[in-house]
PDB file of all heavy atoms in Angstrom:
ATOM      1  N   THR A   1     -49.897  -7.765  37.632  1.00  0.00           N
ATOM      2  CA  THR A   1     -49.031  -8.917  37.925  1.00  0.00           C
ATOM      3  C   THR A   1     -48.261  -9.363  36.700  1.00  0.00           C
ATOM      4  O   THR A   1     -47.029  -9.555  36.747  1.00  0.00           O
ATOM      5  CB  THR A   1     -49.877 -10.091  38.468  1.00  0.00           C
ATOM      6  OG1 THR A   1     -50.523  -9.676  39.671  1.00  0.00           O
ATOM      7  CG2 THR A   1     -49.003 -11.308  38.737  1.00  0.00           C
ATOM      8  N   TRP A   2     -48.967  -9.536  35.546  1.00  0.00           N
ATOM      9  CA  TRP A   2     -48.254 -10.063  34.383  1.00  0.00           C
ATOM     10  C   TRP A   2     -47.441  -8.988  33.660  1.00  0.00           C
ATOM     11  O   TRP A   2     -46.766  -9.271  32.673  1.00  0.00           O
ATOM     12  CB  TRP A   2     -49.192 -10.805  33.438  1.00  0.00           C
ATOM     13  CG  TRP A   2     -50.183  -9.985  32.636  1.00  0.00           C
ATOM     14  CD1 TRP A   2     -50.029  -8.752  32.102  1.00  0.00           C
ATOM     15  CD2 TRP A   2     -51.484 -10.420  32.246  1.00  0.00           C
ATOM     16  NE1 TRP A   2     -51.140  -8.379  31.414  1.00  0.00           N
ATOM     17  CE2 TRP A   2     -52.059  -9.385  31.485  1.00  0.00           C
ATOM     18  CE3 TRP A   2     -52.229 -11.580  32.454  1.00  0.00           C
ATOM     19  CZ2 TRP A   2     -53.346  -9.465  30.935  1.00  0.00           C
ATOM     20  CZ3 TRP A   2     -53.498 -11.654  31.910  1.00  0.00           C
ATOM     21  CH2 TRP A   2     -54.046 -10.619  31.164  1.00  0.00           C
ATOM     22  N   THR A   3     -47.498  -7.749  34.150  1.00  0.00           N
ATOM     23  CA  THR A   3     -46.618  -6.699  33.631  1.00  0.00           C
ATOM     24  C   THR A   3     -45.395  -6.510  34.528  1.00  0.00           C
ATOM     25  O   THR A   3     -44.265  -6.450  34.052  1.00  0.00           O
ATOM     26  CB  THR A   3     -47.373  -5.366  33.505  1.00  0.00           C
ATOM     27  OG1 THR A   3     -48.472  -5.531  32.609  1.00  0.00           O
ATOM     28  CG2 THR A   3     -46.460  -4.269  32.983  1.00  0.00           C
ATOM     29  N   VAL A   4     -45.620  -6.439  35.832  1.00  0.00           N
ATOM     30  CA  VAL A   4     -44.540  -6.129  36.769  1.00  0.00           C
ATOM     31  C   VAL A   4     -43.564  -7.294  36.912  1.00  0.00           C
ATOM     32  O   VAL A   4     -42.336  -7.109  36.853  1.00  0.00           O
ATOM     33  CB  VAL A   4     -45.120  -5.742  38.148  1.00  0.00           C
ATOM     34  CG1 VAL A   4     -43.997  -5.614  39.188  1.00  0.00           C
ATOM     35  CG2 VAL A   4     -45.883  -4.434  38.041  1.00  0.00           C
ATOM     36  N   ILE A   5     -44.068  -8.510  37.097  1.00  0.00           N
ATOM     37  CA  ILE A   5     -43.176  -9.651  37.330  1.00  0.00           C
ATOM     38  C   ILE A   5     -42.250  -9.899  36.131  1.00  0.00           C
ATOM     39  O   ILE A   5     -41.024 -10.013  36.313  1.00  0.00           O
ATOM     40  CB  ILE A   5     -43.988 -10.912  37.697  1.00  0.00           C
ATOM     41  CG1 ILE A   5     -44.627 -10.723  39.074  1.00  0.00           C
ATOM     42  CG2 ILE A   5     -43.100 -12.153  37.688  1.00  0.00           C
ATOM     43  CD1 ILE A   5     -45.481 -11.891  39.514  1.00  0.00           C
ATOM     44  N   PRO A   6     -42.754  -9.987  34.889  1.00  0.00           N
ATOM     45  CA  PRO A   6     -41.823 -10.159  33.767  1.00  0.00           C
ATOM     46  C   PRO A   6     -40.836  -8.994  33.607  1.00  0.00           C
ATOM     47  O   PRO A   6     -39.688  -9.195  33.214  1.00  0.00           O
ATOM     48  CB  PRO A   6     -42.750 -10.268  32.554  1.00  0.00           C
ATOM     49  CG  PRO A   6     -44.042 -10.751  33.099  1.00  0.00           C
ATOM     50  CD  PRO A   6     -44.154 -10.097  34.439  1.00  0.00           C
ATOM     51  N   THR A   7     -41.273  -7.773  33.935  1.00  0.00           N
ATOM     52  CA  THR A   7     -40.374  -6.620  33.846  1.00  0.00           C
ATOM     53  C   THR A   7     -39.213  -6.765  34.827  1.00  0.00           C
ATOM     54  O   THR A   7     -38.052  -6.524  34.481  1.00  0.00           O
ATOM     55  CB  THR A   7     -41.138  -5.318  34.132  1.00  0.00           C
ATOM     56  OG1 THR A   7     -42.175  -5.159  33.160  1.00  0.00           O
ATOM     57  CG2 THR A   7     -40.200  -4.115  34.065  1.00  0.00           C
ATOM     58  N   ILE A   8     -39.524  -7.150  36.059  1.00  0.00           N
ATOM     59  CA  ILE A   8     -38.468  -7.357  37.057  1.00  0.00           C
ATOM     60  C   ILE A   8     -37.505  -8.446  36.601  1.00  0.00           C
ATOM     61  O   ILE A   8     -36.280  -8.317  36.714  1.00  0.00           O
ATOM     62  CB  ILE A   8     -39.090  -7.707  38.423  1.00  0.00           C
ATOM     63  CG1 ILE A   8     -39.864  -6.508  38.977  1.00  0.00           C
ATOM     64  CG2 ILE A   8     -38.007  -8.150  39.415  1.00  0.00           C
ATOM     65  CD1 ILE A   8     -40.647  -6.809  40.239  1.00  0.00           C
ATOM     66  N   MET A   9     -38.038  -9.531  36.061  1.00  0.00           N
ATOM     67  CA  MET A   9     -37.183 -10.623  35.583  1.00  0.00           C
ATOM     68  C   MET A   9     -36.281 -10.144  34.453  1.00  0.00           C
ATOM     69  O   MET A   9     -35.082 -10.462  34.415  1.00  0.00           O
ATOM     70  CB  MET A   9     -38.051 -11.797  35.120  1.00  0.00           C
ATOM     71  CG  MET A   9     -38.798 -12.470  36.259  1.00  0.00           C
ATOM     72  SD  MET A   9     -40.029 -13.646  35.685  1.00  0.00           S
ATOM     73  CE  MET A   9     -39.036 -14.718  34.704  1.00  0.00           C
ATOM     74  N   CYS A  10     -36.819  -9.366  33.530  1.00  0.00           N
ATOM     75  CA  CYS A  10     -36.016  -8.856  32.402  1.00  0.00           C
ATOM     76  C   CYS A  10     -34.913  -7.919  32.892  1.00  0.00           C
ATOM     77  O   CYS A  10     -33.797  -7.932  32.371  1.00  0.00           O
ATOM     78  CB  CYS A  10     -36.910  -8.140  31.403  1.00  0.00           C
ATOM     79  SG  CYS A  10     -37.953  -9.241  30.431  1.00  0.00           S
ATOM     80  N   VAL A  11     -35.230  -7.096  33.913  1.00  0.00           N
ATOM     81  CA  VAL A  11     -34.220  -6.182  34.461  1.00  0.00           C
ATOM     82  C   VAL A  11     -33.071  -6.974  35.081  1.00  0.00           C
ATOM     83  O   VAL A  11     -31.888  -6.654  34.861  1.00  0.00           O
ATOM     84  CB  VAL A  11     -34.856  -5.240  35.510  1.00  0.00           C
ATOM     85  CG1 VAL A  11     -33.775  -4.484  36.288  1.00  0.00           C
ATOM     86  CG2 VAL A  11     -35.792  -4.254  34.830  1.00  0.00           C
ATOM     87  N   PHE A  12     -33.380  -8.022  35.850  1.00  0.00           N
ATOM     88  CA  PHE A  12     -32.324  -8.845  36.445  1.00  0.00           C
ATOM     89  C   PHE A  12     -31.506  -9.547  35.367  1.00  0.00           C
ATOM     90  O   PHE A  12     -30.268  -9.590  35.451  1.00  0.00           O
ATOM     91  CB  PHE A  12     -32.929  -9.870  37.409  1.00  0.00           C
ATOM     92  CG  PHE A  12     -33.119  -9.339  38.804  1.00  0.00           C
ATOM     93  CD1 PHE A  12     -34.343  -8.850  39.213  1.00  0.00           C
ATOM     94  CD2 PHE A  12     -32.064  -9.328  39.693  1.00  0.00           C
ATOM     95  CE1 PHE A  12     -34.524  -8.346  40.493  1.00  0.00           C
ATOM     96  CE2 PHE A  12     -32.224  -8.833  40.981  1.00  0.00           C
ATOM     97  CZ  PHE A  12     -33.458  -8.336  41.387  1.00  0.00           C
ATOM     98  N   LEU A  13     -32.147 -10.103  34.350  1.00  0.00           N
ATOM     99  CA  LEU A  13     -31.418 -10.765  33.265  1.00  0.00           C
ATOM    100  C   LEU A  13     -30.513  -9.782  32.541  1.00  0.00           C
ATOM    101  O   LEU A  13     -29.364 -10.101  32.208  1.00  0.00           O
ATOM    102  CB  LEU A  13     -32.399 -11.416  32.295  1.00  0.00           C
ATOM    103  CG  LEU A  13     -33.171 -12.628  32.804  1.00  0.00           C
ATOM    104  CD1 LEU A  13     -34.190 -13.075  31.759  1.00  0.00           C
ATOM    105  CD2 LEU A  13     -32.223 -13.776  33.140  1.00  0.00           C
ATOM    106  N   PHE A  14     -31.026  -8.583  32.278  1.00  0.00           N
ATOM    107  CA  PHE A  14     -30.209  -7.577  31.614  1.00  0.00           C
ATOM    108  C   PHE A  14     -29.007  -7.192  32.464  1.00  0.00           C
ATOM    109  O   PHE A  14     -27.872  -7.117  31.973  1.00  0.00           O
ATOM    110  CB  PHE A  14     -31.029  -6.325  31.302  1.00  0.00           C
ATOM    111  CG  PHE A  14     -30.193  -5.181  30.816  1.00  0.00           C
ATOM    112  CD1 PHE A  14     -29.774  -5.122  29.494  1.00  0.00           C
ATOM    113  CD2 PHE A  14     -29.798  -4.172  31.682  1.00  0.00           C
ATOM    114  CE1 PHE A  14     -28.979  -4.081  29.046  1.00  0.00           C
ATOM    115  CE2 PHE A  14     -29.007  -3.124  31.246  1.00  0.00           C
ATOM    116  CZ  PHE A  14     -28.604  -3.073  29.921  1.00  0.00           C
ATOM    117  N   TYR A  15     -29.243  -6.950  33.759  1.00  0.00           N
ATOM    118  CA  TYR A  15     -28.155  -6.500  34.633  1.00  0.00           C
ATOM    119  C   TYR A  15     -27.039  -7.533  34.717  1.00  0.00           C
ATOM    120  O   TYR A  15     -25.863  -7.208  34.521  1.00  0.00           O
ATOM    121  CB  TYR A  15     -28.685  -6.193  36.035  1.00  0.00           C
ATOM    122  CG  TYR A  15     -27.577  -5.941  37.029  1.00  0.00           C
ATOM    123  CD1 TYR A  15     -26.854  -4.757  36.998  1.00  0.00           C
ATOM    124  CD2 TYR A  15     -27.228  -6.912  37.967  1.00  0.00           C
ATOM    125  CE1 TYR A  15     -25.809  -4.527  37.889  1.00  0.00           C
ATOM    126  CE2 TYR A  15     -26.193  -6.692  38.861  1.00  0.00           C
ATOM    127  CZ  TYR A  15     -25.485  -5.499  38.813  1.00  0.00           C
ATOM    128  OH  TYR A  15     -24.453  -5.287  39.692  1.00  0.00           O
ATOM    129  N   TYR A  16     -27.391  -8.793  35.002  1.00  0.00           N
ATOM    130  CA  TYR A  16     -26.357  -9.815  35.148  1.00  0.00           C
ATOM    131  C   TYR A  16     -25.722 -10.162  33.794  1.00  0.00           C
ATOM    132  O   TYR A  16     -24.532 -10.469  33.727  1.00  0.00           O
ATOM    133  CB  TYR A  16     -26.939 -11.060  35.818  1.00  0.00           C
ATOM    134  CG  TYR A  16     -27.168 -10.861  37.297  1.00  0.00           C
ATOM    135  CD1 TYR A  16     -28.449 -10.663  37.800  1.00  0.00           C
ATOM    136  CD2 TYR A  16     -26.099 -10.840  38.178  1.00  0.00           C
ATOM    137  CE1 TYR A  16     -28.659 -10.459  39.155  1.00  0.00           C
ATOM    138  CE2 TYR A  16     -26.295 -10.633  39.539  1.00  0.00           C
ATOM    139  CZ  TYR A  16     -27.571 -10.437  40.017  1.00  0.00           C
ATOM    140  OH  TYR A  16     -27.764 -10.217  41.355  1.00  0.00           O
ATOM    141  N   GLY A  17     -26.502 -10.090  32.721  1.00  0.00           N
ATOM    142  CA  GLY A  17     -25.924 -10.300  31.399  1.00  0.00           C
ATOM    143  C   GLY A  17     -24.948  -9.202  31.033  1.00  0.00           C
ATOM    144  O   GLY A  17     -23.851  -9.473  30.529  1.00  0.00           O
ATOM    145  N   TRP A  18     -25.322  -7.945  31.317  1.00  0.00           N
ATOM    146  CA  TRP A  18     -24.436  -6.820  31.027  1.00  0.00           C
ATOM    147  C   TRP A  18     -23.184  -6.886  31.865  1.00  0.00           C
ATOM    148  O   TRP A  18     -22.076  -6.626  31.380  1.00  0.00           O
ATOM    149  CB  TRP A  18     -25.174  -5.501  31.287  1.00  0.00           C
ATOM    150  CG  TRP A  18     -24.266  -4.307  31.185  1.00  0.00           C
ATOM    151  CD1 TRP A  18     -23.884  -3.651  30.048  1.00  0.00           C
ATOM    152  CD2 TRP A  18     -23.617  -3.646  32.274  1.00  0.00           C
ATOM    153  NE1 TRP A  18     -23.041  -2.613  30.367  1.00  0.00           N
ATOM    154  CE2 TRP A  18     -22.852  -2.585  31.724  1.00  0.00           C
ATOM    155  CE3 TRP A  18     -23.606  -3.835  33.650  1.00  0.00           C
ATOM    156  CZ2 TRP A  18     -22.083  -1.726  32.510  1.00  0.00           C
ATOM    157  CZ3 TRP A  18     -22.841  -2.990  34.440  1.00  0.00           C
ATOM    158  CH2 TRP A  18     -22.095  -1.946  33.865  1.00  0.00           C
ATOM    159  N   ARG A  19     -23.321  -7.232  33.153  1.00  0.00           N
ATOM    160  CA  ARG A  19     -22.155  -7.304  34.032  1.00  0.00           C
ATOM    161  C   ARG A  19     -21.173  -8.374  33.563  1.00  0.00           C
ATOM    162  O   ARG A  19     -19.950  -8.139  33.512  1.00  0.00           O
ATOM    163  CB  ARG A  19     -22.600  -7.612  35.467  1.00  0.00           C
ATOM    164  CG  ARG A  19     -21.480  -7.500  36.479  1.00  0.00           C
ATOM    165  CD  ARG A  19     -21.961  -7.740  37.883  1.00  0.00           C
ATOM    166  NE  ARG A  19     -22.361  -9.128  38.091  1.00  0.00           N
ATOM    167  CZ  ARG A  19     -22.647  -9.643  39.288  1.00  0.00           C
ATOM    168  NH1 ARG A  19     -22.614  -8.869  40.361  1.00  0.00           N
ATOM    169  NH2 ARG A  19     -22.999 -10.903  39.404  1.00  0.00           N
ATOM    170  N   GLY A  20     -21.702  -9.544  33.164  1.00  0.00           N
ATOM    171  CA  GLY A  20     -20.828 -10.597  32.645  1.00  0.00           C
ATOM    172  C   GLY A  20     -20.167 -10.187  31.347  1.00  0.00           C
ATOM    173  O   GLY A  20     -18.972 -10.441  31.130  1.00  0.00           O
ATOM    174  N   TYR A  21     -20.919  -9.539  30.462  1.00  0.00           N
ATOM    175  CA  TYR A  21     -20.353  -9.079  29.182  1.00  0.00           C
ATOM    176  C   TYR A  21     -19.251  -8.047  29.416  1.00  0.00           C
ATOM    177  O   TYR A  21     -18.194  -8.102  28.780  1.00  0.00           O
ATOM    178  CB  TYR A  21     -21.457  -8.483  28.325  1.00  0.00           C
ATOM    179  CG  TYR A  21     -20.952  -7.813  27.075  1.00  0.00           C
ATOM    180  CD1 TYR A  21     -20.581  -8.568  25.956  1.00  0.00           C
ATOM    181  CD2 TYR A  21     -20.835  -6.424  27.001  1.00  0.00           C
ATOM    182  CE1 TYR A  21     -20.104  -7.946  24.811  1.00  0.00           C
ATOM    183  CE2 TYR A  21     -20.359  -5.805  25.860  1.00  0.00           C
ATOM    184  CZ  TYR A  21     -19.997  -6.567  24.772  1.00  0.00           C
ATOM    185  OH  TYR A  21     -19.514  -5.950  23.636  1.00  0.00           O
ATOM    186  N   TYR A  22     -19.485  -7.123  30.354  1.00  0.00           N
ATOM    187  CA  TYR A  22     -18.491  -6.081  30.628  1.00  0.00           C
ATOM    188  C   TYR A  22     -17.185  -6.699  31.111  1.00  0.00           C
ATOM    189  O   TYR A  22     -16.095  -6.283  30.700  1.00  0.00           O
ATOM    190  CB  TYR A  22     -19.048  -5.114  31.677  1.00  0.00           C
ATOM    191  CG  TYR A  22     -18.106  -3.988  32.022  1.00  0.00           C
ATOM    192  CD1 TYR A  22     -17.980  -2.888  31.178  1.00  0.00           C
ATOM    193  CD2 TYR A  22     -17.352  -4.020  33.195  1.00  0.00           C
ATOM    194  CE1 TYR A  22     -17.108  -1.848  31.493  1.00  0.00           C
ATOM    195  CE2 TYR A  22     -16.484  -2.998  33.516  1.00  0.00           C
ATOM    196  CZ  TYR A  22     -16.363  -1.904  32.661  1.00  0.00           C
ATOM    197  OH  TYR A  22     -15.497  -0.901  32.962  1.00  0.00           O
ATOM    198  N   ARG A  23     -17.277  -7.705  31.978  1.00  0.00           N
ATOM    199  CA  ARG A  23     -16.061  -8.372  32.462  1.00  0.00           C
ATOM    200  C   ARG A  23     -15.341  -9.097  31.329  1.00  0.00           C
ATOM    201  O   ARG A  23     -14.106  -9.099  31.264  1.00  0.00           O
ATOM    202  CB  ARG A  23     -16.427  -9.358  33.568  1.00  0.00           C
ATOM    203  CG  ARG A  23     -16.823  -8.716  34.879  1.00  0.00           C
ATOM    204  CD  ARG A  23     -17.233  -9.772  35.891  1.00  0.00           C
ATOM    205  NE  ARG A  23     -17.553  -9.192  37.186  1.00  0.00           N
ATOM    206  CZ  ARG A  23     -18.023  -9.885  38.205  1.00  0.00           C
ATOM    207  NH1 ARG A  23     -18.218 -11.198  38.088  1.00  0.00           N
ATOM    208  NH2 ARG A  23     -18.299  -9.284  39.355  1.00  0.00           N
ATOM    209  N   MET A  24     -16.124  -9.696  30.427  1.00  0.00           N
ATOM    210  CA  MET A  24     -15.518 -10.497  29.360  1.00  0.00           C
ATOM    211  C   MET A  24     -14.830  -9.638  28.300  1.00  0.00           C
ATOM    212  O   MET A  24     -13.981 -10.132  27.559  1.00  0.00           O
ATOM    213  CB  MET A  24     -16.583 -11.372  28.704  1.00  0.00           C
ATOM    214  CG  MET A  24     -17.170 -12.434  29.612  1.00  0.00           C
ATOM    215  SD  MET A  24     -16.048 -13.801  29.956  1.00  0.00           S
ATOM    216  CE  MET A  24     -16.201 -14.739  28.445  1.00  0.00           C
ATOM    217  N   VAL A  25     -15.193  -8.356  28.188  1.00  0.00           N
ATOM    218  CA  VAL A  25     -14.606  -7.515  27.135  1.00  0.00           C
ATOM    219  C   VAL A  25     -13.647  -6.467  27.687  1.00  0.00           C
ATOM    220  O   VAL A  25     -13.163  -5.617  26.932  1.00  0.00           O
ATOM    221  CB  VAL A  25     -15.706  -6.822  26.298  1.00  0.00           C
ATOM    222  CG1 VAL A  25     -16.570  -7.849  25.600  1.00  0.00           C
ATOM    223  CG2 VAL A  25     -16.544  -5.873  27.146  1.00  0.00           C
ATOM    224  N   THR A  26     -13.354  -6.513  28.989  1.00  0.00           N
ATOM    225  CA  THR A  26     -12.449  -5.530  29.594  1.00  0.00           C
ATOM    226  C   THR A  26     -11.238  -6.236  30.187  1.00  0.00           C
ATOM    227  O   THR A  26     -11.273  -6.682  31.336  1.00  0.00           O
ATOM    228  CB  THR A  26     -13.177  -4.721  30.691  1.00  0.00           C
ATOM    229  OG1 THR A  26     -14.417  -4.224  30.168  1.00  0.00           O
ATOM    230  CG2 THR A  26     -12.319  -3.561  31.164  1.00  0.00           C
ATOM    231  N   PRO A  27     -10.156  -6.373  29.420  1.00  0.00           N
ATOM    232  CA  PRO A  27      -8.987  -7.107  29.923  1.00  0.00           C
ATOM    233  C   PRO A  27      -8.197  -6.288  30.928  1.00  0.00           C
ATOM    234  O   PRO A  27      -8.238  -5.046  30.909  1.00  0.00           O
ATOM    235  CB  PRO A  27      -8.157  -7.340  28.647  1.00  0.00           C
ATOM    236  CG  PRO A  27      -8.527  -6.204  27.758  1.00  0.00           C
ATOM    237  CD  PRO A  27      -9.974  -5.917  28.044  1.00  0.00           C
ATOM    238  N   PRO A  28      -7.473  -6.945  31.825  1.00  0.00           N
ATOM    239  CA  PRO A  28      -6.568  -6.223  32.734  1.00  0.00           C
ATOM    240  C   PRO A  28      -5.461  -5.535  31.942  1.00  0.00           C
ATOM    241  O   PRO A  28      -5.106  -5.948  30.832  1.00  0.00           O
ATOM    242  CB  PRO A  28      -6.000  -7.340  33.623  1.00  0.00           C
ATOM    243  CG  PRO A  28      -6.893  -8.513  33.423  1.00  0.00           C
ATOM    244  CD  PRO A  28      -7.472  -8.397  32.064  1.00  0.00           C
ATOM    245  N   GLN A  29      -4.891  -4.474  32.524  1.00  0.00           N
ATOM    246  CA  GLN A  29      -3.849  -3.715  31.830  1.00  0.00           C
ATOM    247  C   GLN A  29      -2.581  -4.529  31.609  1.00  0.00           C
ATOM    248  O   GLN A  29      -1.861  -4.294  30.635  1.00  0.00           O
ATOM    249  CB  GLN A  29      -3.529  -2.443  32.610  1.00  0.00           C
ATOM    250  CG  GLN A  29      -4.662  -1.420  32.632  1.00  0.00           C
ATOM    251  CD  GLN A  29      -4.274  -0.141  33.331  1.00  0.00           C
ATOM    252  OE1 GLN A  29      -3.222  -0.067  33.966  1.00  0.00           O
ATOM    253  NE2 GLN A  29      -5.115   0.873  33.230  1.00  0.00           N
ATOM    254  N   LYS A  30      -2.291  -5.474  32.482  1.00  0.00           N
ATOM    255  CA  LYS A  30      -1.043  -6.234  32.389  1.00  0.00           C
ATOM    256  C   LYS A  30      -1.246  -7.620  31.788  1.00  0.00           C
ATOM    257  O   LYS A  30      -0.494  -8.548  32.074  1.00  0.00           O
ATOM    258  CB  LYS A  30      -0.398  -6.349  33.771  1.00  0.00           C
ATOM    259  CG  LYS A  30       0.035  -5.011  34.358  1.00  0.00           C
ATOM    260  CD  LYS A  30       0.749  -5.183  35.689  1.00  0.00           C
ATOM    261  CE  LYS A  30       1.203  -3.849  36.236  1.00  0.00           C
ATOM    262  NZ  LYS A  30       1.923  -4.007  37.548  1.00  0.00           N
ATOM    263  N   ALA A  31      -2.241  -7.781  30.939  1.00  0.00           N
ATOM    264  CA  ALA A  31      -2.482  -9.079  30.315  1.00  0.00           C
ATOM    265  C   ALA A  31      -1.388  -9.408  29.300  1.00  0.00           C
ATOM    266  O   ALA A  31      -0.852  -8.516  28.623  1.00  0.00           O
ATOM    267  CB  ALA A  31      -3.842  -9.075  29.624  1.00  0.00           C
ATOM    268  N   LEU A  32      -1.055 -10.691  29.198  1.00  0.00           N
ATOM    269  CA  LEU A  32      -0.117 -11.162  28.178  1.00  0.00           C
ATOM    270  C   LEU A  32      -0.762 -10.983  26.802  1.00  0.00           C
ATOM    271  O   LEU A  32      -1.890 -11.412  26.582  1.00  0.00           O
ATOM    272  CB  LEU A  32       0.200 -12.640  28.420  1.00  0.00           C
ATOM    273  CG  LEU A  32       1.020 -13.349  27.350  1.00  0.00           C
ATOM    274  CD1 LEU A  32       2.448 -12.831  27.335  1.00  0.00           C
ATOM    275  CD2 LEU A  32       1.008 -14.865  27.592  1.00  0.00           C
ATOM    276  N   GLU A  33      -0.055 -10.356  25.857  1.00  0.00           N
ATOM    277  CA  GLU A  33      -0.643 -10.060  24.550  1.00  0.00           C
ATOM    278  C   GLU A  33      -0.119 -11.024  23.484  1.00  0.00           C
ATOM    279  O   GLU A  33       1.091 -11.263  23.379  1.00  0.00           O
ATOM    280  CB  GLU A  33      -0.328  -8.628  24.137  1.00  0.00           C
ATOM    281  CG  GLU A  33      -1.041  -8.189  22.875  1.00  0.00           C
ATOM    282  CD  GLU A  33      -0.927  -6.699  22.624  1.00  0.00           C
ATOM    283  OE1 GLU A  33      -1.550  -5.933  23.380  1.00  0.00           O
ATOM    284  OE2 GLU A  33      -0.206  -6.322  21.673  1.00  0.00           O
ATOM    285  N   ILE A  34      -1.035 -11.571  22.701  1.00  0.00           N
ATOM    286  CA  ILE A  34      -0.701 -12.470  21.598  1.00  0.00           C
ATOM    287  C   ILE A  34      -1.407 -11.964  20.347  1.00  0.00           C
ATOM    288  O   ILE A  34      -2.595 -11.648  20.376  1.00  0.00           O
ATOM    289  CB  ILE A  34      -1.134 -13.916  21.913  1.00  0.00           C
ATOM    290  CG1 ILE A  34      -0.416 -14.428  23.164  1.00  0.00           C
ATOM    291  CG2 ILE A  34      -0.856 -14.838  20.718  1.00  0.00           C
ATOM    292  CD1 ILE A  34      -0.872 -15.806  23.624  1.00  0.00           C
ATOM    293  N   GLN A  35      -0.659 -11.872  19.239  1.00  0.00           N
ATOM    294  CA  GLN A  35      -1.224 -11.449  17.960  1.00  0.00           C
ATOM    295  C   GLN A  35      -1.813 -12.672  17.255  1.00  0.00           C
ATOM    296  O   GLN A  35      -1.203 -13.744  17.229  1.00  0.00           O
ATOM    297  CB  GLN A  35      -0.145 -10.829  17.075  1.00  0.00           C
ATOM    298  CG  GLN A  35       0.672  -9.737  17.749  1.00  0.00           C
ATOM    299  CD  GLN A  35      -0.135  -8.505  18.050  1.00  0.00           C
ATOM    300  OE1 GLN A  35      -0.980  -8.100  17.258  1.00  0.00           O
ATOM    301  NE2 GLN A  35       0.121  -7.900  19.210  1.00  0.00           N
ATOM    302  N   VAL A  36      -3.005 -12.498  16.676  1.00  0.00           N
ATOM    303  CA  VAL A  36      -3.684 -13.599  15.994  1.00  0.00           C
ATOM    304  C   VAL A  36      -3.972 -13.171  14.552  1.00  0.00           C
ATOM    305  O   VAL A  36      -4.578 -12.120  14.328  1.00  0.00           O
ATOM    306  CB  VAL A  36      -4.995 -13.981  16.703  1.00  0.00           C
ATOM    307  CG1 VAL A  36      -5.660 -15.158  15.989  1.00  0.00           C
ATOM    308  CG2 VAL A  36      -4.737 -14.313  18.163  1.00  0.00           C
ATOM    309  N   ILE A  37      -3.548 -13.997  13.602  1.00  0.00           N
ATOM    310  CA  ILE A  37      -3.825 -13.745  12.193  1.00  0.00           C
ATOM    311  C   ILE A  37      -4.591 -14.945  11.646  1.00  0.00           C
ATOM    312  O   ILE A  37      -4.110 -16.078  11.693  1.00  0.00           O
ATOM    313  CB  ILE A  37      -2.528 -13.533  11.391  1.00  0.00           C
ATOM    314  CG1 ILE A  37      -1.739 -12.354  11.973  1.00  0.00           C
ATOM    315  CG2 ILE A  37      -2.848 -13.280   9.912  1.00  0.00           C
ATOM    316  CD1 ILE A  37      -0.358 -12.192  11.361  1.00  0.00           C
ATOM    317  N   ALA A  38      -5.787 -14.684  11.137  1.00  0.00           N
ATOM    318  CA  ALA A  38      -6.608 -15.743  10.541  1.00  0.00           C
ATOM    319  C   ALA A  38      -6.581 -15.609   9.028  1.00  0.00           C
ATOM    320  O   ALA A  38      -6.513 -14.497   8.489  1.00  0.00           O
ATOM    321  CB  ALA A  38      -8.040 -15.646  11.050  1.00  0.00           C
ATOM    322  N   GLN A  39      -6.609 -16.748   8.344  1.00  0.00           N
ATOM    323  CA  GLN A  39      -6.658 -16.742   6.884  1.00  0.00           C
ATOM    324  C   GLN A  39      -7.232 -18.071   6.426  1.00  0.00           C
ATOM    325  O   GLN A  39      -7.331 -19.020   7.209  1.00  0.00           O
ATOM    326  CB  GLN A  39      -5.271 -16.532   6.293  1.00  0.00           C
ATOM    327  CG  GLN A  39      -4.306 -17.678   6.591  1.00  0.00           C
ATOM    328  CD  GLN A  39      -2.907 -17.391   6.090  1.00  0.00           C
ATOM    329  OE1 GLN A  39      -2.187 -16.583   6.661  1.00  0.00           O
ATOM    330  NE2 GLN A  39      -2.536 -18.057   5.000  1.00  0.00           N
TER     331      GLN A  39
END
């Protein structure tokens, strides 16, 4: 019980975290582009 349940929870957290991260780092091809210079 204390092995399987935490494992399932970690798998769900990883999956939804990865899916959200993938969306956040993959812009559409027709996105408006702006150059940013920091100093």
